[in-house]
Structure formats: structure tokens, C-alpha cells
Amino acid sequence: SHNPVIARKAVETGLLDVLMFSVNAAYDMQPPTEDCEQLWNP
């Protein structure tokens, strides 16, 4: 996932062992969105 809100909801189900998530210092400054293209928007 690229969306922290959805990812968190999935983790809270207790079903996941692993989460593949987009992490870097720039993305971490951005609010959640399901449009991952916005993470690149200057």
C-alpha cells in the first residue's frame, strides 16, 4: 500500500505479517491519499 490510513486499517485486522509500504523522507511529510501520484507532485 501507499496509503497509511488503509495500511493501518489492514494491520489492525491482525491478519498481516508483513506490510510493503512506500517510505522515504519526502513521502513521510505528506498527508494520506489513495492517489499515490500525489506523492510525486512538486
All heavy atoms as atom14 arrays in JSON, in Angstrom:
{
  "sequence": "SHNPVIARKAVETGLLDVLMFSVNAAYDMQPPTEDCEQLWNP",
  "atom14_mask": [
    [1, 1, 1, 1, 1, 1, 0, 0, 0, 0, 0, 0, 0, 0],
    [1, 1, 1, 1, 1, 1, 1, 1, 1, 1, 0, 0, 0, 0],
    [1, 1, 1, 1, 1, 1, 1, 1, 0, 0, 0, 0, 0, 0],
    [1, 1, 1, 1, 1, 1, 1, 0, 0, 0, 0, 0, 0, 0],
    [1, 1, 1, 1, 1, 1, 1, 0, 0, 0, 0, 0, 0, 0],
    [1, 1, 1, 1, 1, 1, 1, 1, 0, 0, 0, 0, 0, 0],
    [1, 1, 1, 1, 1, 0, 0, 0, 0, 0, 0, 0, 0, 0],
    [1, 1, 1, 1, 1, 1, 1, 1, 1, 1, 1, 0, 0, 0],
    [1, 1, 1, 1, 1, 1, 1, 1, 1, 0, 0, 0, 0, 0],
    [1, 1, 1, 1, 1, 0, 0, 0, 0, 0, 0, 0, 0, 0],
    [1, 1, 1, 1, 1, 1, 1, 0, 0, 0, 0, 0, 0, 0],
    [1, 1, 1, 1, 1, 1, 1, 1, 1, 0, 0, 0, 0, 0],
    [1, 1, 1, 1, 1, 1, 1, 0, 0, 0, 0, 0, 0, 0],
    [1, 1, 1, 1, 0, 0, 0, 0, 0, 0, 0, 0, 0, 0],
    [1, 1, 1, 1, 1, 1, 1, 1, 0, 0, 0, 0, 0, 0],
    [1, 1, 1, 1, 1, 1, 1, 1, 0, 0, 0, 0, 0, 0],
    [1, 1, 1, 1, 1, 1, 1, 1, 0, 0, 0, 0, 0, 0],
    [1, 1, 1, 1, 1, 1, 1, 0, 0, 0, 0, 0, 0, 0],
    [1, 1, 1, 1, 1, 1, 1, 1, 0, 0, 0, 0, 0, 0],
    [1, 1, 1, 1, 1, 1, 1, 1, 0, 0, 0, 0, 0, 0],
    [1, 1, 1, 1, 1, 1, 1, 1, 1, 1, 1, 0, 0, 0],
    [1, 1, 1, 1, 1, 1, 0, 0, 0, 0, 0, 0, 0, 0],
    [1, 1, 1, 1, 1, 1, 1, 0, 0, 0, 0, 0, 0, 0],
    [1, 1, 1, 1, 1, 1, 1, 1, 0, 0, 0, 0, 0, 0],
    [1, 1, 1, 1, 1, 0, 0, 0, 0, 0, 0, 0, 0, 0],
    [1, 1, 1, 1, 1, 0, 0, 0, 0, 0, 0, 0, 0, 0],
    [1, 1, 1, 1, 1, 1, 1, 1, 1, 1, 1, 1, 0, 0],
    [1, 1, 1, 1, 1, 1, 1, 1, 0, 0, 0, 0, 0, 0],
    [1, 1, 1, 1, 1, 1, 1, 1, 0, 0, 0, 0, 0, 0],
    [1, 1, 1, 1, 1, 1, 1, 1, 1, 0, 0, 0, 0, 0],
    [1, 1, 1, 1, 1, 1, 1, 0, 0, 0, 0, 0, 0, 0],
    [1, 1, 1, 1, 1, 1, 1, 0, 0, 0, 0, 0, 0, 0],
    [1, 1, 1, 1, 1, 1, 1, 0, 0, 0, 0, 0, 0, 0],
    [1, 1, 1, 1, 1, 1, 1, 1, 1, 0, 0, 0, 0, 0],
    [1, 1, 1, 1, 1, 1, 1, 1, 0, 0, 0, 0, 0, 0],
    [1, 1, 1, 1, 1, 1, 0, 0, 0, 0, 0, 0, 0, 0],
    [1, 1, 1, 1, 1, 1, 1, 1, 1, 0, 0, 0, 0, 0],
    [1, 1, 1, 1, 1, 1, 1, 1, 1, 0, 0, 0, 0, 0],
    [1, 1, 1, 1, 1, 1, 1, 1, 0, 0, 0, 0, 0, 0],
    [1, 1, 1, 1, 1, 1, 1, 1, 1, 1, 1, 1, 1, 1],
    [1, 1, 1, 1, 1, 1, 1, 1, 0, 0, 0, 0, 0, 0],
    [1, 1, 1, 1, 1, 1, 1, 0, 0, 0, 0, 0, 0, 0]
  ],
  "atom14_positions": [
    [[0.84, -1.2, 0.0], [0.0, 0.0, 0.0], [0.87, 1.25, 0.0], [2.03, 1.21, 0.41], [-0.92, 0.01, 1.23], [-1.75, 1.16, 1.25], [0.0, 0.0, 0.0], [0.0, 0.0, 0.0], [0.0, 0.0, 0.0], [0.0, 0.0, 0.0], [0.0, 0.0, 0.0], [0.0, 0.0, 0.0], [0.0, 0.0, 0.0], [0.0, 0.0, 0.0]],
    [[0.27, 2.37, -0.46], [0.91, 3.68, -0.37], [0.15, 4.58, 0.59], [0.6, 5.7, 0.89], [0.95, 4.37, -1.74], [1.62, 3.57, -2.82], [0.95, 2.58, -3.51], [2.87, 3.61, -3.32], [1.77, 2.05, -4.41], [2.93, 2.65, -4.3], [0.0, 0.0, 0.0], [0.0, 0.0, 0.0], [0.0, 0.0, 0.0], [0.0, 0.0, 0.0]],
    [[-1.01, 4.15, 1.04], [-1.91, 4.97, 1.85], [-1.85, 4.54, 3.32], [-2.29, 3.44, 3.65], [-3.34, 4.83, 1.32], [-4.32, 5.76, 2.0], [-4.06, 6.28, 3.08], [-5.46, 5.98, 1.38], [0.0, 0.0, 0.0], [0.0, 0.0, 0.0], [0.0, 0.0, 0.0], [0.0, 0.0, 0.0], [0.0, 0.0, 0.0], [0.0, 0.0, 0.0]],
    [[-1.32, 5.39, 4.21], [-1.16, 4.98, 5.61], [-2.46, 4.7, 6.34], [-2.48, 3.88, 7.26], [-0.42, 6.16, 6.24], [-0.69, 7.32, 5.34], [-0.81, 6.76, 3.96], [0.0, 0.0, 0.0], [0.0, 0.0, 0.0], [0.0, 0.0, 0.0], [0.0, 0.0, 0.0], [0.0, 0.0, 0.0], [0.0, 0.0, 0.0], [0.0, 0.0, 0.0]],
    [[-3.55, 5.34, 5.94], [-4.84, 5.1, 6.61], [-5.33, 3.69, 6.29], [-5.74, 2.94, 7.18], [-5.88, 6.16, 6.18], [-7.26, 5.79, 6.72], [-5.46, 7.54, 6.68], [0.0, 0.0, 0.0], [0.0, 0.0, 0.0], [0.0, 0.0, 0.0], [0.0, 0.0, 0.0], [0.0, 0.0, 0.0], [0.0, 0.0, 0.0], [0.0, 0.0, 0.0]],
    [[-5.29, 3.33, 5.01], [-5.73, 2.0, 4.6], [-4.78, 0.93, 5.13], [-5.19, -0.14, 5.6], [-5.83, 1.92, 3.07], [-6.94, 2.86, 2.57], [-6.08, 0.5, 2.61], [-8.33, 2.55, 3.11], [0.0, 0.0, 0.0], [0.0, 0.0, 0.0], [0.0, 0.0, 0.0], [0.0, 0.0, 0.0], [0.0, 0.0, 0.0], [0.0, 0.0, 0.0]],
    [[-3.49, 1.22, 5.08], [-2.49, 0.26, 5.58], [-2.71, -0.01, 7.07], [-2.64, -1.16, 7.52], [-1.09, 0.79, 5.33], [0.0, 0.0, 0.0], [0.0, 0.0, 0.0], [0.0, 0.0, 0.0], [0.0, 0.0, 0.0], [0.0, 0.0, 0.0], [0.0, 0.0, 0.0], [0.0, 0.0, 0.0], [0.0, 0.0, 0.0], [0.0, 0.0, 0.0]],
    [[-2.96, 1.04, 7.81], [-3.17, 0.88, 9.25], [-4.42, 0.04, 9.53], [-4.44, -0.83, 10.4], [-3.3, 2.26, 9.91], [-3.39, 2.22, 11.42], [-3.47, 3.62, 11.98], [-3.59, 3.63, 13.42], [-3.78, 4.71, 14.15], [-3.86, 5.89, 13.56], [-3.89, 4.64, 15.46], [0.0, 0.0, 0.0], [0.0, 0.0, 0.0], [0.0, 0.0, 0.0]],
    [[-5.47, 0.29, 8.77], [-6.71, -0.46, 8.92], [-6.46, -1.95, 8.66], [-6.99, -2.81, 9.37], [-7.75, 0.09, 7.94], [-9.16, -0.41, 8.17], [-10.14, 0.33, 7.25], [-11.57, -0.16, 7.48], [-12.53, 0.52, 6.57], [0.0, 0.0, 0.0], [0.0, 0.0, 0.0], [0.0, 0.0, 0.0], [0.0, 0.0, 0.0], [0.0, 0.0, 0.0]],
    [[-5.64, -2.23, 7.66], [-5.33, -3.62, 7.33], [-4.51, -4.29, 8.44], [-4.76, -5.44, 8.81], [-4.58, -3.69, 6.01], [0.0, 0.0, 0.0], [0.0, 0.0, 0.0], [0.0, 0.0, 0.0], [0.0, 0.0, 0.0], [0.0, 0.0, 0.0], [0.0, 0.0, 0.0], [0.0, 0.0, 0.0], [0.0, 0.0, 0.0], [0.0, 0.0, 0.0]],
    [[-3.54, -3.56, 8.97], [-2.72, -4.1, 10.06], [-3.59, -4.4, 11.28], [-3.39, -5.41, 11.97], [-1.59, -3.12, 10.43], [-0.87, -3.57, 11.71], [-0.58, -3.0, 9.28], [0.0, 0.0, 0.0], [0.0, 0.0, 0.0], [0.0, 0.0, 0.0], [0.0, 0.0, 0.0], [0.0, 0.0, 0.0], [0.0, 0.0, 0.0], [0.0, 0.0, 0.0]],
    [[-4.57, -3.55, 11.53], [-5.43, -3.71, 12.69], [-6.33, -4.95, 12.6], [-6.9, -5.37, 13.61], [-6.27, -2.45, 12.9], [-5.45, -1.28, 13.43], [-6.23, 0.03, 13.47], [-7.27, 0.12, 12.76], [-5.78, 0.97, 14.16], [0.0, 0.0, 0.0], [0.0, 0.0, 0.0], [0.0, 0.0, 0.0], [0.0, 0.0, 0.0], [0.0, 0.0, 0.0]],
    [[-6.46, -5.55, 11.42], [-7.24, -6.79, 11.31], [-6.53, -7.95, 12.01], [-7.16, -8.96, 12.33], [-7.46, -7.19, 9.83], [-6.2, -7.53, 9.24], [-8.14, -6.1, 9.05], [0.0, 0.0, 0.0], [0.0, 0.0, 0.0], [0.0, 0.0, 0.0], [0.0, 0.0, 0.0], [0.0, 0.0, 0.0], [0.0, 0.0, 0.0], [0.0, 0.0, 0.0]],
    [[-5.22, -7.82, 12.2], [-4.44, -8.9, 12.8], [-4.08, -10.01, 11.84], [-3.5, -11.02, 12.24], [0.0, 0.0, 0.0], [0.0, 0.0, 0.0], [0.0, 0.0, 0.0], [0.0, 0.0, 0.0], [0.0, 0.0, 0.0], [0.0, 0.0, 0.0], [0.0, 0.0, 0.0], [0.0, 0.0, 0.0], [0.0, 0.0, 0.0], [0.0, 0.0, 0.0]],
    [[-4.41, -9.83, 10.56], [-4.16, -10.88, 9.57], [-2.8, -10.76, 8.9], [-2.3, -11.73, 8.33], [-5.26, -10.85, 8.49], [-6.68, -11.15, 8.97], [-7.67, -10.94, 7.84], [-6.76, -12.59, 9.49], [0.0, 0.0, 0.0], [0.0, 0.0, 0.0], [0.0, 0.0, 0.0], [0.0, 0.0, 0.0], [0.0, 0.0, 0.0], [0.0, 0.0, 0.0]],
    [[-2.2, -9.58, 8.93], [-0.97, -9.36, 8.19], [0.27, -9.65, 9.03], [0.35, -9.3, 10.2], [-0.89, -7.91, 7.69], [-1.98, -7.42, 6.73], [-1.65, -6.02, 6.24], [-2.16, -8.37, 5.56], [0.0, 0.0, 0.0], [0.0, 0.0, 0.0], [0.0, 0.0, 0.0], [0.0, 0.0, 0.0], [0.0, 0.0, 0.0], [0.0, 0.0, 0.0]],
    [[1.23, -10.27, 8.38], [2.56, -10.46, 8.97], [3.54, -9.44, 8.45], [4.51, -9.08, 9.12], [3.09, -11.86, 8.63], [2.13, -12.97, 9.04], [1.93, -13.12, 10.25], [1.6, -13.66, 8.16], [0.0, 0.0, 0.0], [0.0, 0.0, 0.0], [0.0, 0.0, 0.0], [0.0, 0.0, 0.0], [0.0, 0.0, 0.0], [0.0, 0.0, 0.0]],
    [[3.3, -8.98, 7.22], [4.21, -8.08, 6.53], [3.41, -6.98, 5.84], [2.34, -7.24, 5.3], [5.05, -8.83, 5.46], [6.05, -7.89, 4.78], [5.78, -10.01, 6.08], [0.0, 0.0, 0.0], [0.0, 0.0, 0.0], [0.0, 0.0, 0.0], [0.0, 0.0, 0.0], [0.0, 0.0, 0.0], [0.0, 0.0, 0.0], [0.0, 0.0, 0.0]],
    [[3.95, -5.76, 5.86], [3.36, -4.65, 5.11], [4.43, -4.07, 4.19], [5.48, -3.64, 4.65], [2.86, -3.56, 6.06], [2.36, -2.27, 5.38], [1.06, -2.53, 4.62], [2.17, -1.16, 6.42], [0.0, 0.0, 0.0], [0.0, 0.0, 0.0], [0.0, 0.0, 0.0], [0.0, 0.0, 0.0], [0.0, 0.0, 0.0], [0.0, 0.0, 0.0]],
    [[4.17, -4.11, 2.9], [5.07, -3.42, 1.97], [4.52, -2.01, 1.8], [3.38, -1.81, 1.37], [5.14, -4.12, 0.62], [6.05, -3.42, -0.37], [6.09, -4.21, -1.99], [7.46, -5.31, -1.73], [0.0, 0.0, 0.0], [0.0, 0.0, 0.0], [0.0, 0.0, 0.0], [0.0, 0.0, 0.0], [0.0, 0.0, 0.0], [0.0, 0.0, 0.0]],
    [[5.34, -1.02, 2.2], [4.84, 0.36, 2.23], [5.89, 1.3, 1.65], [7.1, 1.07, 1.78], [4.5, 0.76, 3.68], [3.7, 2.02, 3.77], [2.37, 2.04, 3.37], [4.26, 3.19, 4.27], [1.63, 3.21, 3.45], [3.53, 4.35, 4.35], [2.21, 4.37, 3.94], [0.0, 0.0, 0.0], [0.0, 0.0, 0.0], [0.0, 0.0, 0.0]],
    [[5.41, 2.38, 1.03], [6.31, 3.37, 0.43], [6.83, 4.31, 1.5], [6.06, 5.03, 2.13], [5.57, 4.16, -0.66], [4.35, 4.67, -0.17], [0.0, 0.0, 0.0], [0.0, 0.0, 0.0], [0.0, 0.0, 0.0], [0.0, 0.0, 0.0], [0.0, 0.0, 0.0], [0.0, 0.0, 0.0], [0.0, 0.0, 0.0], [0.0, 0.0, 0.0]],
    [[8.13, 4.27, 1.72], [8.76, 5.07, 2.77], [9.98, 5.79, 2.22], [10.85, 5.18, 1.6], [9.22, 4.19, 3.96], [9.85, 5.06, 5.05], [8.06, 3.38, 4.53], [0.0, 0.0, 0.0], [0.0, 0.0, 0.0], [0.0, 0.0, 0.0], [0.0, 0.0, 0.0], [0.0, 0.0, 0.0], [0.0, 0.0, 0.0], [0.0, 0.0, 0.0]],
    [[10.03, 7.09, 2.43], [11.25, 7.89, 2.29], [11.0, 9.21, 2.98], [9.87, 9.51, 3.38], [11.68, 8.06, 0.81], [10.66, 8.8, -0.03], [10.26, 9.91, 0.29], [10.23, 8.16, -1.12], [0.0, 0.0, 0.0], [0.0, 0.0, 0.0], [0.0, 0.0, 0.0], [0.0, 0.0, 0.0], [0.0, 0.0, 0.0], [0.0, 0.0, 0.0]],
    [[12.02, 10.01, 3.16], [11.9, 11.24, 3.95], [10.91, 12.22, 3.34], [10.25, 12.97, 4.07], [13.28, 11.89, 4.09], [0.0, 0.0, 0.0], [0.0, 0.0, 0.0], [0.0, 0.0, 0.0], [0.0, 0.0, 0.0], [0.0, 0.0, 0.0], [0.0, 0.0, 0.0], [0.0, 0.0, 0.0], [0.0, 0.0, 0.0], [0.0, 0.0, 0.0]],
    [[10.77, 12.22, 2.02], [9.84, 13.15, 1.37], [8.39, 12.69, 1.54], [7.53, 13.46, 1.97], [10.18, 13.29, -0.11], [0.0, 0.0, 0.0], [0.0, 0.0, 0.0], [0.0, 0.0, 0.0], [0.0, 0.0, 0.0], [0.0, 0.0, 0.0], [0.0, 0.0, 0.0], [0.0, 0.0, 0.0], [0.0, 0.0, 0.0], [0.0, 0.0, 0.0]],
    [[8.12, 11.43, 1.23], [6.76, 10.92, 1.36], [6.26, 11.04, 2.79], [5.07, 11.26, 3.03], [6.69, 9.45, 0.94], [6.9, 9.18, -0.53], [7.15, 10.2, -1.44], [6.84, 7.88, -1.01], [7.36, 9.94, -2.78], [7.04, 7.61, -2.36], [7.3, 8.64, -3.24], [7.5, 8.36, -4.57], [0.0, 0.0, 0.0], [0.0, 0.0, 0.0]],
    [[7.17, 10.87, 3.75], [6.76, 10.91, 5.16], [6.2, 12.27, 5.56], [5.53, 12.38, 6.6], [7.94, 10.55, 6.06], [8.04, 9.06, 6.3], [7.17, 8.31, 5.8], [8.98, 8.63, 6.99], [0.0, 0.0, 0.0], [0.0, 0.0, 0.0], [0.0, 0.0, 0.0], [0.0, 0.0, 0.0], [0.0, 0.0, 0.0], [0.0, 0.0, 0.0]],
    [[6.46, 13.31, 4.78], [5.95, 14.65, 5.08], [4.53, 14.86, 4.53], [3.9, 15.87, 4.8], [6.86, 15.72, 4.49], [8.31, 15.6, 4.87], [8.58, 15.79, 6.63], [10.34, 15.39, 6.73], [0.0, 0.0, 0.0], [0.0, 0.0, 0.0], [0.0, 0.0, 0.0], [0.0, 0.0, 0.0], [0.0, 0.0, 0.0], [0.0, 0.0, 0.0]],
    [[4.05, 13.9, 3.72], [2.8, 14.1, 3.01], [1.61, 13.46, 3.71], [1.72, 12.38, 4.28], [2.91, 13.52, 1.6], [3.93, 14.26, 0.73], [3.61, 15.74, 0.63], [2.53, 16.14, 0.21], [4.56, 16.56, 1.04], [0.0, 0.0, 0.0], [0.0, 0.0, 0.0], [0.0, 0.0, 0.0], [0.0, 0.0, 0.0], [0.0, 0.0, 0.0]],
    [[0.43, 14.12, 3.65], [-0.78, 13.53, 4.26], [-1.24, 12.33, 3.47], [-0.87, 12.14, 2.31], [-1.8, 14.68, 4.16], [-1.31, 15.53, 3.03], [0.18, 15.44, 3.06], [0.0, 0.0, 0.0], [0.0, 0.0, 0.0], [0.0, 0.0, 0.0], [0.0, 0.0, 0.0], [0.0, 0.0, 0.0], [0.0, 0.0, 0.0], [0.0, 0.0, 0.0]],
    [[-2.08, 11.47, 4.07], [-2.52, 10.24, 3.4], [-3.39, 10.53, 2.19], [-4.15, 11.5, 2.16], [-3.31, 9.51, 4.49], [-3.73, 10.58, 5.44], [-2.63, 11.59, 5.42], [0.0, 0.0, 0.0], [0.0, 0.0, 0.0], [0.0, 0.0, 0.0], [0.0, 0.0, 0.0], [0.0, 0.0, 0.0], [0.0, 0.0, 0.0], [0.0, 0.0, 0.0]],
    [[-3.25, 9.68, 1.17], [-4.07, 9.78, -0.03], [-4.07, 8.43, -0.71], [-3.11, 7.67, -0.61], [-3.55, 10.85, -0.99], [-4.31, 10.81, -2.21], [-2.08, 10.62, -1.34], [0.0, 0.0, 0.0], [0.0, 0.0, 0.0], [0.0, 0.0, 0.0], [0.0, 0.0, 0.0], [0.0, 0.0, 0.0], [0.0, 0.0, 0.0], [0.0, 0.0, 0.0]],
    [[-5.18, 8.12, -1.41], [-5.2, 6.88, -2.18], [-4.67, 7.12, -3.59], [-4.5, 6.17, -4.35], [-6.6, 6.28, -2.24], [-7.64, 7.12, -2.93], [-9.01, 6.45, -2.89], [-9.66, 6.48, -1.84], [-9.39, 5.88, -3.93], [0.0, 0.0, 0.0], [0.0, 0.0, 0.0], [0.0, 0.0, 0.0], [0.0, 0.0, 0.0], [0.0, 0.0, 0.0]],
    [[-4.39, 8.38, -3.91], [-3.78, 8.71, -5.2], [-2.28, 8.82, -5.02], [-1.75, 9.88, -4.68], [-4.36, 10.03, -5.73], [-3.78, 10.42, -7.1], [-3.01, 9.61, -7.66], [-4.09, 11.52, -7.58], [0.0, 0.0, 0.0], [0.0, 0.0, 0.0], [0.0, 0.0, 0.0], [0.0, 0.0, 0.0], [0.0, 0.0, 0.0], [0.0, 0.0, 0.0]],
    [[-1.56, 7.72, -5.23], [-0.13, 7.72, -4.94], [0.65, 8.65, -5.87], [1.78, 9.03, -5.57], [0.44, 6.31, -5.01], [0.31, 5.51, -6.62], [0.0, 0.0, 0.0], [0.0, 0.0, 0.0], [0.0, 0.0, 0.0], [0.0, 0.0, 0.0], [0.0, 0.0, 0.0], [0.0, 0.0, 0.0], [0.0, 0.0, 0.0], [0.0, 0.0, 0.0]],
    [[0.03, 9.08, -6.99], [0.72, 10.02, -7.87], [0.96, 11.36, -7.16], [1.89, 12.09, -7.5], [-0.1, 10.25, -9.14], [-0.22, 9.03, -10.05], [1.13, 8.55, -10.55], [1.98, 9.39, -10.88], [1.34, 7.32, -10.6], [0.0, 0.0, 0.0], [0.0, 0.0, 0.0], [0.0, 0.0, 0.0], [0.0, 0.0, 0.0], [0.0, 0.0, 0.0]],
    [[0.13, 11.66, -6.17], [0.29, 12.92, -5.45], [1.58, 12.96, -4.63], [2.06, 14.04, -4.27], [-0.92, 13.16, -4.53], [-2.2, 13.5, -5.27], [-2.05, 14.74, -6.14], [-1.57, 15.78, -5.68], [-2.46, 14.64, -7.38], [0.0, 0.0, 0.0], [0.0, 0.0, 0.0], [0.0, 0.0, 0.0], [0.0, 0.0, 0.0], [0.0, 0.0, 0.0]],
    [[2.14, 11.8, -4.32], [3.39, 11.76, -3.57], [4.56, 12.31, -4.38], [5.59, 12.68, -3.82], [3.69, 10.32, -3.13], [2.7, 9.7, -2.15], [2.98, 8.22, -1.97], [2.75, 10.42, -0.81], [0.0, 0.0, 0.0], [0.0, 0.0, 0.0], [0.0, 0.0, 0.0], [0.0, 0.0, 0.0], [0.0, 0.0, 0.0], [0.0, 0.0, 0.0]],
    [[4.37, 12.37, -5.71], [5.42, 12.9, -6.58], [5.15, 14.36, -6.96], [5.99, 14.99, -7.58], [5.49, 12.09, -7.87], [6.26, 10.82, -7.78], [7.58, 10.62, -7.99], [5.74, 9.54, -7.45], [7.92, 9.31, -7.82], [6.81, 8.61, -7.49], [4.47, 9.06, -7.12], [6.66, 7.25, -7.23], [4.32, 7.71, -6.85], [5.4, 6.84, -6.9]],
    [[3.98, 14.88, -6.62], [3.57, 16.2, -7.08], [4.37, 17.32, -6.4], [4.25, 17.52, -5.19], [2.07, 16.4, -6.8], [1.52, 17.65, -7.46], [2.27, 18.54, -7.88], [0.21, 17.73, -7.54], [0.0, 0.0, 0.0], [0.0, 0.0, 0.0], [0.0, 0.0, 0.0], [0.0, 0.0, 0.0], [0.0, 0.0, 0.0], [0.0, 0.0, 0.0]],
    [[5.19, 18.08, -7.16], [6.01, 19.15, -6.56], [5.19, 20.21, -5.81], [5.69, 20.83, -4.88], [6.72, 19.77, -7.77], [6.64, 18.74, -8.85], [5.38, 18.0, -8.61], [0.0, 0.0, 0.0], [0.0, 0.0, 0.0], [0.0, 0.0, 0.0], [0.0, 0.0, 0.0], [0.0, 0.0, 0.0], [0.0, 0.0, 0.0], [0.0, 0.0, 0.0]]
  ]
}
